[in-house]
Structures are given as structure tokens and as C-alpha cells.
């Protein structure tokens, strides 16, 4: 991996005093991005619901729906 130095070059940057300081009233030079900055992403978990909890929720929904269906049928008779 090769990349350039992200620091500004004091010889080429306008508005810098000798030694790299910034005089009053001047805006300091902006930083460039560093392609290698930050931690490397080594663990990428899956997104979404796991199969176990989703299955339990679906079973619970089916049981509640069946209960109300049986209850409505018994009231109609």
C-alpha cells in the first residue's frame, strides 16, 4: 500500500511563516484525507433478524390468530 504524505508542504503552502506557523488572521491549511486511517473492518455481522427469534414470533402470531379464529367461531354458533 503506497500513499503520499497527507501533511502540507511548508515550502509550497501560502500564508505560513518560517517554521510552519500561521500568522494572525490567516486560515491554516486544510488536512488531506488519509486512506489508511481508522481501524480495519475485520468483523462484519449479518444484518436483520436471526432465524430463531423470527420463528418464535411467527409461531406466537399464528397461535394468537388461531385463538381468535376459534373464539369467533364459538361465538357464532
Protein backbone atom coordinates (compact mmCIF):
# COMPACT_ATOMS: atom_id res chain seq x y z
CA UNK A 1 0.00 0.00 0.00
CA UNK A 2 1.58 3.27 -1.05
CA UNK A 3 0.19 6.72 -0.48
CA UNK A 4 1.51 10.24 -0.30
CA UNK A 5 2.23 12.19 2.87
CA UNK A 6 -1.02 13.97 3.86
CA UNK A 7 0.78 16.85 5.60
CA UNK A 8 1.04 20.13 3.69
CA UNK A 9 4.48 21.15 2.44
CA UNK A 10 5.54 24.34 4.28
CA UNK A 11 7.68 25.50 1.33
CA UNK A 12 4.70 25.47 -1.05
CA UNK A 13 1.83 26.47 1.27
CA UNK A 14 0.91 30.15 1.20
CA UNK A 15 0.26 32.01 4.45
CA UNK A 16 2.77 30.10 6.57
CA UNK A 17 5.55 31.74 8.49
CA UNK A 18 9.02 30.23 8.55
CA UNK A 19 8.89 27.19 10.76
CA UNK A 20 5.30 26.30 9.80
CA UNK A 21 3.35 28.74 12.00
CA UNK A 22 0.24 30.59 10.84
CA UNK A 23 0.15 34.40 11.25
CA UNK A 24 -2.89 36.01 12.94
CA UNK A 25 -5.85 36.38 10.60
CA UNK A 26 -4.77 33.60 8.26
CA UNK A 27 -6.64 30.36 7.80
CA UNK A 28 -4.45 27.31 8.40
CA UNK A 29 -4.15 24.85 5.51
CA UNK A 30 -6.71 22.06 5.42
CA UNK A 31 -5.82 18.48 6.09
CA UNK A 32 -5.98 15.95 3.34
CA UNK A 33 -7.64 12.61 3.89
CA UNK A 34 -5.56 9.64 4.90
CA UNK A 35 -6.55 6.43 3.11
CA UNK A 36 -5.14 4.19 5.85
CA UNK A 37 -6.73 6.00 8.80
CA UNK A 38 -9.07 4.18 11.15
CA UNK A 39 -9.42 0.57 12.18
CA UNK A 40 -9.72 -2.12 9.57
CA UNK A 41 -13.10 -3.77 9.48
CA UNK A 42 -12.46 -7.42 10.24
CA UNK A 43 -15.88 -8.48 11.61
CA UNK A 44 -18.96 -7.82 9.52
CA UNK A 45 -22.01 -9.33 11.25
CA UNK A 46 -25.13 -10.03 9.24
CA UNK A 47 -27.96 -7.57 9.47
CA UNK A 48 -31.55 -8.49 10.12
CA UNK A 49 -33.34 -10.92 12.37
CA UNK A 50 -31.89 -14.25 13.36
CA UNK A 51 -33.90 -17.31 12.34
CA UNK A 52 -34.69 -18.46 15.90
CA UNK A 53 -36.33 -15.28 17.27
CA UNK A 54 -38.17 -14.70 13.99
CA UNK A 55 -39.58 -18.25 14.07
CA UNK A 56 -40.77 -17.82 17.68
CA UNK A 57 -42.53 -14.55 16.82
CA UNK A 58 -44.23 -16.14 13.82
CA UNK A 59 -45.40 -19.12 15.91
CA UNK A 60 -46.80 -16.75 18.55
CA UNK A 61 -48.65 -14.74 15.89
CA UNK A 62 -50.16 -17.91 14.39
CA UNK A 63 -51.27 -19.14 17.84
CA UNK A 64 -52.92 -15.82 18.72
CA UNK A 65 -54.65 -15.67 15.32
CA UNK A 66 -55.88 -19.28 15.75
CA UNK A 67 -57.19 -18.49 19.24
CA UNK A 68 -59.23 -15.52 17.99
CA UNK A 69 -60.49 -17.51 14.98
CA UNK A 70 -61.71 -20.34 17.26
CA UNK A 71 -63.22 -17.80 19.68
CA UNK A 72 -65.12 -16.06 16.83
CA UNK A 73 -66.40 -19.43 15.54
CA UNK A 74 -67.68 -20.45 19.02
CA UNK A 75 -69.48 -17.12 19.43
CA UNK A 76 -71.18 -17.51 16.05
CA UNK A 77 -72.62 -20.93 16.95
